[in-house]
C-alpha atoms as a PDB file:
ATOM      1  CA  MET A   1       3.737 -31.012-172.830  1.00  0.00           C
ATOM      2  CA  ALA A   2       4.254 -34.099-174.797  1.00  0.00           C
ATOM      3  CA  GLN A   3       4.798 -37.201-173.168  1.00  0.00           C
ATOM      4  CA  ARG A   4       7.817 -38.988-173.984  1.00  0.00           C
ATOM      5  CA  GLY A   5       7.709 -43.089-173.952  1.00  0.00           C
ATOM      6  CA  VAL A   6      10.605 -44.820-172.494  1.00  0.00           C
ATOM      7  CA  SER A   7      12.612 -44.943-175.961  1.00  0.00           C
ATOM      8  CA  GLU A   8      12.348 -41.064-175.987  1.00  0.00           C
ATOM      9  CA  SER A   9      13.007 -40.477-172.831  1.00  0.00           C
ATOM     10  CA  GLN A  10      16.673 -42.375-173.482  1.00  0.00           C
ATOM     11  CA  GLU A  11      16.951 -40.972-176.874  1.00  0.00           C
ATOM     12  CA  HIS A  12      16.492 -37.342-175.217  1.00  0.00           C
ATOM     13  CA  ALA A  13      18.766 -38.273-172.471  1.00  0.00           C
ATOM     14  CA  ASN A  14      21.429 -39.519-175.232  1.00  0.00           C
ATOM     15  CA  LEU A  15      20.924 -36.429-176.815  1.00  0.00           C
ATOM     16  CA  ILE A  16      22.069 -34.560-173.866  1.00  0.00           C
ATOM     17  CA  GLN A  17      24.982 -36.445-172.860  1.00  0.00           C
ATOM     18  CA  MET A  18      26.536 -36.039-176.422  1.00  0.00           C
ATOM     19  CA  MET A  19      26.119 -32.713-176.481  1.00  0.00           C
ATOM     20  CA  ALA A  20      27.519 -32.152-172.862  1.00  0.00           C
ATOM     21  CA  SER A  21      30.540 -34.937-173.682  1.00  0.00           C
ATOM     22  CA  TYR A  22      31.307 -32.669-176.638  1.00  0.00           C
ATOM     23  CA  PHE A  23      31.230 -28.975-174.688  1.00  0.00           C
ATOM     24  CA  GLN A  24      33.673 -30.787-172.100  1.00  0.00           C
ATOM     25  CA  SER A  25      35.736 -32.086-175.216  1.00  0.00           C
ATOM     26  CA  GLN A  26      36.068 -29.044-177.075  1.00  0.00           C
ATOM     27  CA  GLY A  27      37.028 -27.097-173.947  1.00  0.00           C
ATOM     28  CA  PHE A  28      33.691 -25.305-172.999  1.00  0.00           C
ATOM     29  CA  THR A  29      33.701 -24.313-169.255  1.00  0.00           C
ATOM     30  CA  ASP A  30      31.070 -24.906-166.557  1.00  0.00           C
ATOM     31  CA  VAL A  31      29.058 -27.315-168.437  1.00  0.00           C
ATOM     32  CA  ARG A  32      25.664 -27.898-166.753  1.00  0.00           C
ATOM     33  CA  ALA A  33      23.577 -30.818-167.831  1.00  0.00           C
ATOM     34  CA  ASP A  34      20.291 -32.118-166.925  1.00  0.00           C
ATOM     35  CA  LEU A  35      20.980 -35.597-166.371  1.00  0.00           C
ATOM     36  CA  PRO A  36      22.677 -37.539-163.272  1.00  0.00           C
ATOM     37  CA  GLY A  37      26.024 -36.920-162.606  1.00  0.00           C
ATOM     38  CA  TYR A  38      26.211 -33.050-163.554  1.00  0.00           C
ATOM     39  CA  THR A  39      25.136 -29.824-161.810  1.00  0.00           C
ATOM     40  CA  GLN A  40      21.956 -28.938-163.213  1.00  0.00           C
ATOM     41  CA  PRO A  41      21.369 -25.740-165.241  1.00  0.00           C
ATOM     42  CA  GLU A  42      19.847 -22.663-163.734  1.00  0.00           C
ATOM     43  CA  THR A  43      16.393 -22.085-164.486  1.00  0.00           C
ATOM     44  CA  ILE A  44      16.086 -19.215-166.689  1.00  0.00           C
ATOM     45  CA  ARG A  45      13.450 -16.704-165.570  1.00  0.00           C
ATOM     46  CA  GLY A  46      11.052 -15.463-168.404  1.00  0.00           C
ATOM     47  CA  THR A  47       8.021 -13.003-168.679  1.00  0.00           C
ATOM     48  CA  LYS A  48       5.579 -15.705-168.818  1.00  0.00           C
ATOM     49  CA  GLU A  49       7.236 -18.967-167.570  1.00  0.00           C
ATOM     50  CA  ASP A  50      10.334 -20.380-166.253  1.00  0.00           C
ATOM     51  CA  HIS A  51      12.205 -23.429-168.073  1.00  0.00           C
ATOM     52  CA  ARG A  52      15.386 -25.148-167.108  1.00  0.00           C
ATOM     53  CA  PRO A  53      17.314 -25.924-170.550  1.00  0.00           C
ATOM     54  CA  ASP A  54      18.956 -29.038-171.066  1.00  0.00           C
ATOM     55  CA  VAL A  55      22.525 -28.037-171.114  1.00  0.00           C
ATOM     56  CA  THR A  56      24.463 -24.690-170.331  1.00  0.00           C
ATOM     57  CA  CYS A  57      27.740 -23.939-170.694  1.00  0.00           C
ATOM     58  CA  ARG A  58      30.332 -21.413-171.314  1.00  0.00           C
ATOM     59  CA  ARG A  59      32.819 -20.600-174.830  1.00  0.00           C
ATOM     60  CA  ASN A  60      36.268 -20.416-173.670  1.00  0.00           C
ATOM     61  CA  ASP A  61      36.469 -16.736-175.498  1.00  0.00           C
ATOM     62  CA  THR A  62      37.165 -13.248-173.929  1.00  0.00           C
ATOM     63  CA  GLY A  63      33.446 -13.114-173.363  1.00  0.00           C
ATOM     64  CA  ARG A  64      32.887 -16.607-171.955  1.00  0.00           C
ATOM     65  CA  THR A  65      29.835 -16.743-174.435  1.00  0.00           C
ATOM     66  CA  MET A  66      26.926 -18.585-172.580  1.00  0.00           C
ATOM     67  CA  ILE A  67      25.673 -21.448-174.601  1.00  0.00           C
ATOM     68  CA  ILE A  68      21.830 -22.351-174.015  1.00  0.00           C
ATOM     69  CA  LEU A  69      21.012 -25.826-175.594  1.00  0.00           C
ATOM     70  CA  GLU A  70      17.868 -27.655-175.780  1.00  0.00           C
ATOM     71  CA  ALA A  71      17.522 -31.392-176.744  1.00  0.00           C
ATOM     72  CA  GLU A  72      14.491 -32.471-178.653  1.00  0.00           C
ATOM     73  CA  THR A  73      12.510 -35.873-179.659  1.00  0.00           C
ATOM     74  CA  ALA A  74      10.276 -36.479-182.627  1.00  0.00           C
ATOM     75  CA  SER A  75       7.648 -35.757-180.569  1.00  0.00           C
ATOM     76  CA  THR A  76       8.385 -32.558-178.801  1.00  0.00           C
ATOM     77  CA  VAL A  77       9.575 -30.272-181.740  1.00  0.00           C
ATOM     78  CA  PHE A  78       6.181 -28.953-182.213  1.00  0.00           C
ATOM     79  CA  ASP A  79       5.136 -28.780-178.718  1.00  0.00           C
ATOM     80  CA  ALA A  80       3.328 -26.085-176.982  1.00  0.00           C
ATOM     81  CA  HIS A  81       6.258 -26.298-173.966  1.00  0.00           C
ATOM     82  CA  THR A  82       8.900 -26.142-176.515  1.00  0.00           C
ATOM     83  CA  SER A  83       7.636 -23.088-178.394  1.00  0.00           C
ATOM     84  CA  SER A  84       7.793 -21.492-174.854  1.00  0.00           C
ATOM     85  CA  GLN A  85      11.221 -22.627-173.901  1.00  0.00           C
ATOM     86  CA  TRP A  86      12.728 -22.125-177.576  1.00  0.00           C
ATOM     87  CA  THR A  87      11.254 -18.467-177.221  1.00  0.00           C
ATOM     88  CA  LEU A  88      12.397 -17.807-174.085  1.00  0.00           C
ATOM     89  CA  PHE A  89      15.945 -19.658-174.525  1.00  0.00           C
ATOM     90  CA  ALA A  90      16.143 -17.580-178.113  1.00  0.00           C
ATOM     91  CA  ALA A  91      16.316 -14.409-175.923  1.00  0.00           C
ATOM     92  CA  ALA A  92      20.138 -15.048-174.830  1.00  0.00           C
ATOM     93  CA  ARG A  93      21.599 -12.658-177.612  1.00  0.00           C
ATOM     94  CA  GLN A  94      20.078 -10.147-175.711  1.00  0.00           C
ATOM     95  CA  TRP A  95      23.180 -10.810-173.138  1.00  0.00           C
ATOM     96  CA  SER A  96      25.417 -12.063-175.704  1.00  0.00           C
ATOM     97  CA  GLY A  97      24.195 -15.672-175.261  1.00  0.00           C
ATOM     98  CA  GLN A  98      23.629 -18.385-177.814  1.00  0.00           C
ATOM     99  CA  PHE A  99      20.992 -20.861-178.411  1.00  0.00           C
ATOM    100  CA  TYR A 100      21.703 -24.383-179.635  1.00  0.00           C
ATOM    101  CA  VAL A 101      19.291 -26.975-180.507  1.00  0.00           C
ATOM    102  CA  VAL A 102      20.100 -31.033-181.047  1.00  0.00           C
ATOM    103  CA  VAL A 103      17.466 -33.248-182.594  1.00  0.00           C
ATOM    104  CA  PRO A 104      17.246 -36.371-183.900  1.00  0.00           C
ATOM    105  CA  LYS A 105      18.938 -36.936-187.456  1.00  0.00           C
ATOM    106  CA  VAL A 106      15.216 -37.742-189.152  1.00  0.00           C
ATOM    107  CA  VAL A 107      12.346 -36.410-187.840  1.00  0.00           C
ATOM    108  CA  SER A 108       9.047 -37.563-189.223  1.00  0.00           C
ATOM    109  CA  GLY A 109      11.069 -38.722-192.243  1.00  0.00           C
ATOM    110  CA  ARG A 110      12.322 -35.056-192.821  1.00  0.00           C
ATOM    111  CA  SER A 111      16.286 -33.775-192.091  1.00  0.00           C
ATOM    112  CA  GLY A 112      16.133 -33.155-188.228  1.00  0.00           C
ATOM    113  CA  HIS A 113      17.958 -29.872-189.079  1.00  0.00           C
ATOM    114  CA  ASP A 114      15.030 -28.812-191.501  1.00  0.00           C
ATOM    115  CA  VAL A 115      12.773 -29.464-189.216  1.00  0.00           C
ATOM    116  CA  ALA A 116      14.125 -27.587-186.015  1.00  0.00           C
ATOM    117  CA  LYS A 117      15.076 -24.288-188.814  1.00  0.00           C
ATOM    118  CA  GLU A 118      11.145 -24.900-189.792  1.00  0.00           C
ATOM    119  CA  ARG A 119       9.908 -24.698-186.184  1.00  0.00           C
ATOM    120  CA  ALA A 120      12.217 -21.196-185.057  1.00  0.00           C
ATOM    121  CA  ARG A 121      11.090 -19.991-188.407  1.00  0.00           C
ATOM    122  CA  GLN A 122       7.257 -20.161-187.057  1.00  0.00           C
ATOM    123  CA  LEU A 123       8.129 -18.894-183.973  1.00  0.00           C
ATOM    124  CA  GLY A 124       9.951 -15.910-185.426  1.00  0.00           C
ATOM    125  CA  ILE A 125      13.499 -16.633-183.696  1.00  0.00           C
ATOM    126  CA  ALA A 126      16.845 -17.573-184.728  1.00  0.00           C
ATOM    127  CA  LEU A 127      18.861 -20.556-183.899  1.00  0.00           C
ATOM    128  CA  ASP A 128      22.332 -20.041-183.501  1.00  0.00           C
ATOM    129  CA  GLN A 129      23.285 -23.698-184.052  1.00  0.00           C
ATOM    130  CA  THR A 130      20.979 -27.036-184.935  1.00  0.00           C
ATOM    131  CA  TRP A 131      22.907 -30.295-184.089  1.00  0.00           C
ATOM    132  CA  THR A 132      22.185 -33.888-184.974  1.00  0.00           C
ATOM    133  CA  PRO A 133      23.865 -36.981-184.165  1.00  0.00           C
ATOM    134  CA  SER A 134      26.229 -38.145-187.127  1.00  0.00           C
END
């Protein structure tokens, strides 16, 4: 797993906070985040490895759709640990869930959206939403 430096660790926490706050403001329920002051998301069990998402919540629709969100920084988008997480979390579609990713606006001089979509294509998975800070 790639190690984040102090500034990247703070950027990661900021991305998680941004998305948790967004979901709360949009009326999503049971918002959990891997940050102090929040209930931690449940660990998702995989066939090879288990992972805890950065944020989970439920859309306030008739099915109460589960949303799983993972935040990445420039140094972790292409990391093997990230590959394992994204592959597991993308399986959310099997139980009517959705998988979202939030990345910095720019990753290695390129659009964060484009980099995340490229990585998902490489892994053979689909992302339901890709977010970047405005």
